[in-house]
Amino acid sequence: MERIHDYLNGALSWEELLQLQEHLAECPECAQQYDLECIIRSVVARSCHEAAPAALHARIKVRIEEIRVSEGH
């Protein structure tokens, strides 16, 4: 998920971008997570013009990582 967020935020190098694209093409689970993240970002962008506070963003990232680890990803 972290790489997906980096990808969507334009924070990957060209090499990292290519690696992630290859991975998404081969991993249906990650591709599904990518699609979901794109949908969420699209809905949020349409309905909200304010940026989330940095603390909220950090808490959400921590919670996502907790869930990811607990599910063995």
N, C-alpha and C. Protein backbone atom coordinates (compact mmCIF):
# COMPACT_ATOMS: atom_id res chain seq x y z
N MET A 1 0.82 -1.20 0.00
CA MET A 1 0.00 0.00 0.00
C MET A 1 0.86 1.26 0.00
N GLU A 2 1.96 1.20 0.72
CA GLU A 2 2.82 2.38 0.76
C GLU A 2 3.32 2.75 -0.63
N ARG A 3 3.72 1.75 -1.40
CA ARG A 3 4.18 2.00 -2.77
C ARG A 3 3.05 2.51 -3.65
N ILE A 4 1.85 2.00 -3.43
CA ILE A 4 0.70 2.49 -4.19
C ILE A 4 0.46 3.96 -3.88
N HIS A 5 0.53 4.32 -2.62
CA HIS A 5 0.34 5.73 -2.24
C HIS A 5 1.45 6.58 -2.84
N ASP A 6 2.69 6.09 -2.76
CA ASP A 6 3.80 6.83 -3.36
C ASP A 6 3.58 7.01 -4.85
N TYR A 7 3.11 5.96 -5.51
CA TYR A 7 2.84 6.01 -6.94
C TYR A 7 1.78 7.07 -7.26
N LEU A 8 0.69 7.03 -6.54
CA LEU A 8 -0.40 7.97 -6.79
C LEU A 8 -0.02 9.40 -6.42
N ASN A 9 0.94 9.55 -5.53
CA ASN A 9 1.40 10.89 -5.13
C ASN A 9 2.58 11.37 -5.97
N GLY A 10 2.99 10.56 -6.95
CA GLY A 10 4.08 10.95 -7.81
C GLY A 10 5.44 10.95 -7.13
N ALA A 11 5.61 10.10 -6.12
CA ALA A 11 6.83 10.11 -5.32
C ALA A 11 7.79 8.97 -5.66
N LEU A 12 7.59 8.28 -6.76
CA LEU A 12 8.47 7.18 -7.13
C LEU A 12 9.43 7.60 -8.23
N SER A 13 10.62 7.01 -8.19
CA SER A 13 11.56 7.21 -9.28
C SER A 13 11.03 6.46 -10.51
N TRP A 14 11.64 6.72 -11.65
CA TRP A 14 11.22 6.04 -12.88
C TRP A 14 11.35 4.53 -12.72
N GLU A 15 12.47 4.07 -12.14
CA GLU A 15 12.69 2.64 -11.94
C GLU A 15 11.66 2.04 -11.00
N GLU A 16 11.37 2.73 -9.90
CA GLU A 16 10.37 2.25 -8.94
C GLU A 16 8.99 2.20 -9.58
N LEU A 17 8.70 3.19 -10.40
CA LEU A 17 7.42 3.24 -11.11
C LEU A 17 7.26 2.03 -12.01
N LEU A 18 8.28 1.70 -12.76
CA LEU A 18 8.23 0.53 -13.65
C LEU A 18 8.07 -0.76 -12.85
N GLN A 19 8.80 -0.87 -11.74
CA GLN A 19 8.69 -2.06 -10.90
C GLN A 19 7.28 -2.22 -10.35
N LEU A 20 6.70 -1.13 -9.89
CA LEU A 20 5.35 -1.20 -9.33
C LEU A 20 4.35 -1.55 -10.42
N GLN A 21 4.47 -0.96 -11.58
CA GLN A 21 3.55 -1.28 -12.67
C GLN A 21 3.63 -2.76 -13.05
N GLU A 22 4.85 -3.30 -13.07
CA GLU A 22 5.01 -4.73 -13.36
C GLU A 22 4.34 -5.57 -12.27
N HIS A 23 4.54 -5.16 -11.02
CA HIS A 23 3.95 -5.91 -9.91
C HIS A 23 2.42 -5.87 -9.99
N LEU A 24 1.87 -4.70 -10.26
CA LEU A 24 0.41 -4.58 -10.34
C LEU A 24 -0.15 -5.43 -11.48
N ALA A 25 0.61 -5.57 -12.56
CA ALA A 25 0.16 -6.39 -13.68
C ALA A 25 0.15 -7.88 -13.33
N GLU A 26 0.98 -8.27 -12.36
CA GLU A 26 1.10 -9.68 -12.01
C GLU A 26 0.40 -10.07 -10.71
N CYS A 27 -0.03 -9.10 -9.93
CA CYS A 27 -0.60 -9.39 -8.61
C CYS A 27 -2.04 -8.86 -8.52
N PRO A 28 -3.03 -9.73 -8.69
CA PRO A 28 -4.42 -9.28 -8.67
C PRO A 28 -4.81 -8.61 -7.35
N GLU A 29 -4.28 -9.08 -6.24
CA GLU A 29 -4.63 -8.50 -4.94
C GLU A 29 -4.16 -7.05 -4.84
N CYS A 30 -2.92 -6.79 -5.24
CA CYS A 30 -2.41 -5.42 -5.20
C CYS A 30 -3.11 -4.55 -6.25
N ALA A 31 -3.39 -5.12 -7.40
CA ALA A 31 -4.11 -4.37 -8.43
C ALA A 31 -5.49 -3.96 -7.94
N GLN A 32 -6.13 -4.85 -7.20
CA GLN A 32 -7.44 -4.53 -6.62
C GLN A 32 -7.31 -3.40 -5.59
N GLN A 33 -6.27 -3.45 -4.78
CA GLN A 33 -6.04 -2.38 -3.80
C GLN A 33 -5.76 -1.05 -4.50
N TYR A 34 -5.01 -1.11 -5.59
CA TYR A 34 -4.73 0.09 -6.36
C TYR A 34 -6.03 0.68 -6.92
N ASP A 35 -6.86 -0.17 -7.51
CA ASP A 35 -8.14 0.29 -8.06
C ASP A 35 -9.01 0.92 -6.97
N LEU A 36 -9.06 0.28 -5.80
CA LEU A 36 -9.85 0.80 -4.69
C LEU A 36 -9.32 2.16 -4.25
N GLU A 37 -8.02 2.29 -4.15
CA GLU A 37 -7.42 3.57 -3.75
C GLU A 37 -7.74 4.66 -4.76
N CYS A 38 -7.71 4.33 -6.04
CA CYS A 38 -8.07 5.30 -7.08
C CYS A 38 -9.52 5.76 -6.95
N ILE A 39 -10.40 4.82 -6.68
CA ILE A 39 -11.81 5.15 -6.51
C ILE A 39 -12.00 6.05 -5.30
N ILE A 40 -11.37 5.68 -4.19
CA ILE A 40 -11.49 6.49 -2.97
C ILE A 40 -10.99 7.90 -3.22
N ARG A 41 -9.84 8.02 -3.85
CA ARG A 41 -9.28 9.35 -4.11
C ARG A 41 -10.20 10.16 -5.03
N SER A 42 -10.79 9.51 -5.99
CA SER A 42 -11.70 10.20 -6.90
C SER A 42 -12.93 10.73 -6.17
N VAL A 43 -13.51 9.89 -5.34
CA VAL A 43 -14.70 10.31 -4.58
C VAL A 43 -14.36 11.44 -3.62
N VAL A 44 -13.26 11.31 -2.93
CA VAL A 44 -12.85 12.36 -1.99
C VAL A 44 -12.58 13.66 -2.74
N ALA A 45 -11.91 13.57 -3.87
CA ALA A 45 -11.60 14.79 -4.65
C ALA A 45 -12.87 15.49 -5.11
N ARG A 46 -13.88 14.73 -5.46
CA ARG A 46 -15.13 15.34 -5.92
C ARG A 46 -15.92 15.96 -4.77
N SER A 47 -15.79 15.41 -3.58
CA SER A 47 -16.65 15.85 -2.48
C SER A 47 -15.96 16.74 -1.45
N CYS A 48 -14.68 16.91 -1.58
CA CYS A 48 -13.96 17.66 -0.56
C CYS A 48 -12.81 18.41 -1.19
N HIS A 49 -12.71 19.68 -0.86
CA HIS A 49 -11.63 20.48 -1.40
C HIS A 49 -10.61 20.86 -0.35
N GLU A 50 -10.80 20.36 0.85
CA GLU A 50 -9.85 20.63 1.92
C GLU A 50 -8.92 19.44 2.10
N ALA A 51 -7.70 19.72 2.45
CA ALA A 51 -6.74 18.65 2.73
C ALA A 51 -6.96 18.13 4.15
N ALA A 52 -6.80 16.83 4.31
CA ALA A 52 -6.91 16.24 5.64
C ALA A 52 -5.73 16.72 6.48
N PRO A 53 -5.96 16.90 7.77
CA PRO A 53 -4.85 17.29 8.64
C PRO A 53 -3.77 16.21 8.62
N ALA A 54 -2.53 16.63 8.75
CA ALA A 54 -1.40 15.70 8.70
C ALA A 54 -1.54 14.60 9.76
N ALA A 55 -2.03 14.96 10.94
CA ALA A 55 -2.18 13.96 12.01
C ALA A 55 -3.19 12.89 11.62
N LEU A 56 -4.28 13.28 10.97
CA LEU A 56 -5.27 12.30 10.52
C LEU A 56 -4.66 11.39 9.46
N HIS A 57 -3.96 11.97 8.53
CA HIS A 57 -3.32 11.19 7.48
C HIS A 57 -2.37 10.16 8.10
N ALA A 58 -1.58 10.60 9.08
CA ALA A 58 -0.64 9.69 9.74
C ALA A 58 -1.36 8.57 10.47
N ARG A 59 -2.45 8.89 11.17
CA ARG A 59 -3.22 7.86 11.90
C ARG A 59 -3.82 6.84 10.93
N ILE A 60 -4.31 7.31 9.81
CA ILE A 60 -4.90 6.40 8.82
C ILE A 60 -3.82 5.48 8.26
N LYS A 61 -2.65 6.02 7.94
CA LYS A 61 -1.56 5.19 7.42
C LYS A 61 -1.15 4.13 8.44
N VAL A 62 -1.08 4.51 9.72
CA VAL A 62 -0.73 3.56 10.77
C VAL A 62 -1.77 2.46 10.85
N ARG A 63 -3.03 2.82 10.80
CA ARG A 63 -4.11 1.82 10.90
C ARG A 63 -4.10 0.89 9.69
N ILE A 64 -3.89 1.41 8.52
CA ILE A 64 -3.81 0.58 7.32
C ILE A 64 -2.66 -0.41 7.46
N GLU A 65 -1.52 0.07 7.94
CA GLU A 65 -0.38 -0.82 8.12
C GLU A 65 -0.68 -1.89 9.15
N GLU A 66 -1.37 -1.55 10.25
CA GLU A 66 -1.75 -2.53 11.26
C GLU A 66 -2.64 -3.62 10.65
N ILE A 67 -3.60 -3.22 9.86
CA ILE A 67 -4.49 -4.17 9.22
C ILE A 67 -3.73 -5.04 8.25
N ARG A 68 -2.86 -4.42 7.47
CA ARG A 68 -2.07 -5.16 6.48
C ARG A 68 -1.21 -6.22 7.18
N VAL A 69 -0.56 -5.84 8.26
CA VAL A 69 0.31 -6.77 8.99
C VAL A 69 -0.52 -7.88 9.63
N SER A 70 -1.66 -7.53 10.20
CA SER A 70 -2.49 -8.54 10.86
C SER A 70 -3.06 -9.54 9.87
N GLU A 71 -3.22 -9.13 8.62
CA GLU A 71 -3.73 -10.03 7.59
C GLU A 71 -2.61 -10.75 6.85
N GLY A 72 -1.36 -10.48 7.25
CA GLY A 72 -0.22 -11.18 6.66
C GLY A 72 0.20 -10.70 5.30
N HIS A 73 -0.02 -9.43 4.99
CA HIS A 73 0.38 -8.89 3.67
C HIS A 73 1.65 -8.12 3.81
